[in-house]
């Protein structure tokens, strides 16, 4: 008995409907795919901002037929792992080098001792924030 064809559709014995042109009807799986407007509304951001982030590859998205599509589960996963700011130094040596570059470009350069004191203060604030949080 397998599949019984009716005008324009195929029906399997399991009752799942598939269009003859190969396009499946909307299901729970496809409902998890959002357009740019839907994703922007769900994330509560502007469409322009979301498009810019998608264009830059900052978030999970696919360009389909010239339009952005977003998988809700992939966005939830992405949101659960925030990225560190790219400009933030990751090590003490990077921080010292960053301060040297800023100081060299500044009209009011600080001394090595002032830079080291600033670094100590930054680390103390980070430690206090992580202990409080």
Protein backbone atom coordinates (compact mmCIF):
# COMPACT_ATOMS: atom_id res chain seq x y z
CA UNK A 1 0.00 0.00 0.00
CA UNK A 2 3.02 2.35 0.55
CA UNK A 3 2.10 5.79 -0.85
CA UNK A 4 -1.26 6.86 -2.26
CA UNK A 5 -1.16 9.82 -4.63
CA UNK A 6 -3.87 12.46 -4.63
CA UNK A 7 -4.11 15.56 -6.72
CA UNK A 8 -0.90 17.56 -6.09
CA UNK A 9 0.24 15.67 -2.99
CA UNK A 10 1.61 12.35 -1.86
CA UNK A 11 0.40 10.70 1.33
CA UNK A 12 2.37 7.94 3.03
CA UNK A 13 0.85 5.32 5.27
CA UNK A 14 2.33 7.22 8.21
CA UNK A 15 0.19 10.22 7.30
CA UNK A 16 3.09 12.64 6.66
CA UNK A 17 2.22 14.92 3.77
CA UNK A 18 4.83 15.89 1.17
CA UNK A 19 4.17 18.26 -1.72
CA UNK A 20 4.92 16.80 -5.15
CA UNK A 21 7.37 19.62 -5.86
CA UNK A 22 9.53 18.31 -3.01
CA UNK A 23 8.66 21.02 -0.50
CA UNK A 24 7.54 19.66 2.85
CA UNK A 25 4.80 21.41 4.81
CA UNK A 26 5.78 23.54 7.82
CA UNK A 27 6.73 21.30 10.73
CA UNK A 28 8.22 21.82 14.16
CA UNK A 29 11.70 21.55 12.61
CA UNK A 30 11.15 24.22 9.97
CA UNK A 31 9.37 26.44 12.50
CA UNK A 32 12.73 26.72 14.26
CA UNK A 33 14.13 28.54 11.22
CA UNK A 34 13.57 32.28 11.36
CA UNK A 35 13.76 35.05 8.81
CA UNK A 36 15.84 38.16 9.47
CA UNK A 37 12.77 40.03 10.73
CA UNK A 38 11.67 37.15 12.98
CA UNK A 39 15.16 36.65 14.42
CA UNK A 40 15.60 40.38 15.01
CA UNK A 41 12.26 40.54 16.83
CA UNK A 42 13.09 37.42 18.87
CA UNK A 43 16.52 38.81 19.82
CA UNK A 44 15.05 42.30 20.34
CA UNK A 45 17.57 43.98 18.06
CA UNK A 46 17.29 45.99 14.87
CA UNK A 47 17.17 44.18 11.55
CA UNK A 48 20.06 46.32 10.30
CA UNK A 49 22.24 45.37 13.26
CA UNK A 50 21.40 41.69 12.93
CA UNK A 51 22.10 41.81 9.18
CA UNK A 52 25.50 43.44 9.87
CA UNK A 53 26.38 40.73 12.41
CA UNK A 54 25.25 38.00 9.97
CA UNK A 55 27.22 39.60 7.13
CA UNK A 56 30.35 39.68 9.30
CA UNK A 57 29.92 36.05 10.41
CA UNK A 58 29.60 36.98 14.09
CA UNK A 59 26.57 34.78 14.61
CA UNK A 60 25.23 31.53 13.15
CA UNK A 61 23.18 32.23 10.03
CA UNK A 62 22.82 31.06 6.45
CA UNK A 63 22.25 33.09 3.34
CA UNK A 64 19.51 31.21 1.44
CA UNK A 65 18.40 32.49 -1.96
CA UNK A 66 19.78 35.91 -1.03
CA UNK A 67 17.97 36.09 2.32
CA UNK A 68 19.28 35.42 5.82
CA UNK A 69 17.89 32.48 7.78
CA UNK A 70 18.55 31.78 11.46
CA UNK A 71 18.17 28.52 13.37
CA UNK A 72 16.73 29.23 16.81
CA UNK A 73 18.64 26.39 18.52
CA UNK A 74 21.94 27.60 17.00
CA UNK A 75 21.24 31.15 18.17
CA UNK A 76 20.47 29.90 21.70
CA UNK A 77 23.77 27.99 21.73
CA UNK A 78 25.63 31.05 20.42
CA UNK A 79 24.02 33.26 23.07
CA UNK A 80 25.04 30.88 25.85
CA UNK A 81 28.73 31.36 25.02
CA UNK A 82 29.40 35.10 24.79
CA UNK A 83 32.54 36.06 22.97
CA UNK A 84 35.20 38.10 24.77
CA UNK A 85 35.71 41.58 23.37
CA UNK A 86 38.27 41.34 20.57
CA UNK A 87 40.13 44.43 21.74
CA UNK A 88 40.54 43.22 25.32
CA UNK A 89 44.07 42.00 26.09
CA UNK A 90 44.06 38.37 27.20
CA UNK A 91 47.37 38.24 29.07
CA UNK A 92 49.37 40.60 31.23
CA UNK A 93 52.00 40.91 28.49
CA UNK A 94 49.31 41.87 25.95
CA UNK A 95 47.94 44.43 28.39
CA UNK A 96 51.39 45.94 28.94
CA UNK A 97 51.95 46.12 25.16
CA UNK A 98 48.54 47.71 24.66
CA UNK A 99 49.31 50.33 27.30
CA UNK A 100 52.68 51.06 25.66
CA UNK A 101 51.00 51.59 22.27
CA UNK A 102 48.36 53.87 23.81
CA UNK A 103 51.01 55.77 25.75
CA UNK A 104 53.17 56.23 22.67
CA UNK A 105 50.21 57.69 20.78
CA UNK A 106 49.15 59.88 23.70
CA UNK A 107 50.03 63.53 24.17
CA UNK A 108 50.28 62.83 27.92
CA UNK A 109 52.36 59.63 28.23
CA UNK A 110 52.59 57.91 31.60
CA UNK A 111 55.68 56.41 33.17
CA UNK A 112 56.37 52.65 33.42
CA UNK A 113 55.52 52.83 37.12
CA UNK A 114 52.16 54.48 36.40
CA UNK A 115 51.39 51.83 33.80
CA UNK A 116 52.26 49.01 36.20
CA UNK A 117 50.10 50.57 38.93
CA UNK A 118 47.20 50.85 36.48
CA UNK A 119 47.62 47.15 35.59
CA UNK A 120 47.58 46.22 39.30
CA UNK A 121 44.36 48.20 39.73
CA UNK A 122 42.75 46.50 36.71
CA UNK A 123 43.60 43.05 38.05
CA UNK A 124 42.36 43.99 41.53
CA UNK A 125 39.03 45.18 40.05
CA UNK A 126 38.68 42.01 37.97
CA UNK A 127 39.38 39.87 41.05
CA UNK A 128 36.86 41.81 43.15
CA UNK A 129 34.24 41.57 40.36
CA UNK A 130 34.68 37.81 39.97
CA UNK A 131 34.49 37.27 43.74
CA UNK A 132 31.30 39.36 43.95
CA UNK A 133 29.68 37.79 40.88
